Amino acid sequence: MPVPSPSLSAPVPPLNDRLWHLADALAPVGAALAIAVALFSVAVGVAGHNPLEVWALIFRGGFGDAFAWQNTLQRAAPLILTGLAVAIPAQAGRVIIGSEGALVLGGLAAAALGVVVAKSGAWVAWPLMAMAGALAGGLWIAIAGWLREWREVNETISSLLLSFIAIALFNQMVETVLRDPGSLNKPSTQPLPEALMLPTLPGLDVHWGLVLGAVVALLCWAVLRLTPLGLAIRVAGGNVRAAKGVGLPVATLTIGACAVGGACAGLAGAIEVAAVHGSANASLIAGYGYTGILIAFAARFSPAAVVPVAILVGGIAASGSLLQRRLGLPEASVTVLLGFAFVALIGCEALRGRVLARRNRG
């Protein structure tokens, strides 16, 4: 069904107004960051460590030298795509938090297909694996969108429950019908041939998945901001009644946005298999999907902003091992920091929503 093109006849607001709106939109992120820094500093101080030393090590571990940057970018590659898995449905008004399940199913589909088409060569196998991963993830998250549109099931809850189901299916398949007999201690699918492993960027120890994730993010941003389809999605997400009033196919748009988000997460799983693990195993269940929720919220659901936020979060995650080696802090300490940031961000967004509601009533 063709999507009507709503008219954009409103004048462009003055520069000062646009800057004010930008600052107003970024205020919750800045406040949440300050709160997270304060809470984490107090936590490490109570644990007997100098907060300034801890923050210096976090910066050094994530961004201090070329090795740290490569580690950060390696971690950011899947985070960009899982951030998009939340940001794109949010543009259509759907809060999807089950991209972890889409990621593992995407990785499983890519690994299973990769073994079958291995003899076709890398340039045939890579696109097929990517499509298989994206298709598996997209169909899985589309279920949550369909349940919301046709059965009025809350998509946030259903996507989270679907994630648990997906992980259970993944474990079942890896440990039974798709298990490699040679994987004794750690069940996994058959390993991909060396020729099918995704190469690294020239001169770097970072695979091409980073570039692919950034390209997908920019394409999504361009579609959402510069095309009639993107405008229709944003109208459907902003005001359902208005969208239906101008004849937009709201159900199709929202389910499609959920499917595209799931496809991004599934693609992340396929890249992790082809570039890092070489097979589908429990290492895929690394929490990238859940971290993507924080990234999307911090980026205010902008696909373009997801890229720098994912790099920042990737750098924080990469510093955990340095904190453990130098100070004896658990590597999961950085997870506590990210948890503080997420809770603070949700609280600041809720407070901003109340302020805006009072301002509109006034």
Foldseek 3Di string as FASTA:
>chain_A
DDFDFDDDPDDDDDPVVVVVVVCLLQVLLVQLLVQLLVVLCVVVVVVPDHSVVVVVLLCCCQPVDQVNVLQLLQQLLLLLLLLLLQLLLVLLQAGAQQLLLLLLQLLQQLQVVLVVCVVVFQVVSVVVSLVRLLQSQLVLLLVLLCCCVPVVDRSHVVSNVSNVVSVVVSVVCQVPVQFDVVPDPWGWGDFHPPRNAFDPDPPGPHGCSSVVSLVVLVVSLCCLPPHSLNVLSNCNNPDVVVSVVVPGPSSVSSSNSSSNSRSSSSSSNSNCCRHPVRTRTPVSSPCSNNLSSLLCLSLVSRSNSSSVSSSVLSSSLSSLVVCCVPPVDHSCSSVVSSVSSSVSSVVSVVVSVVVVVVVVVD
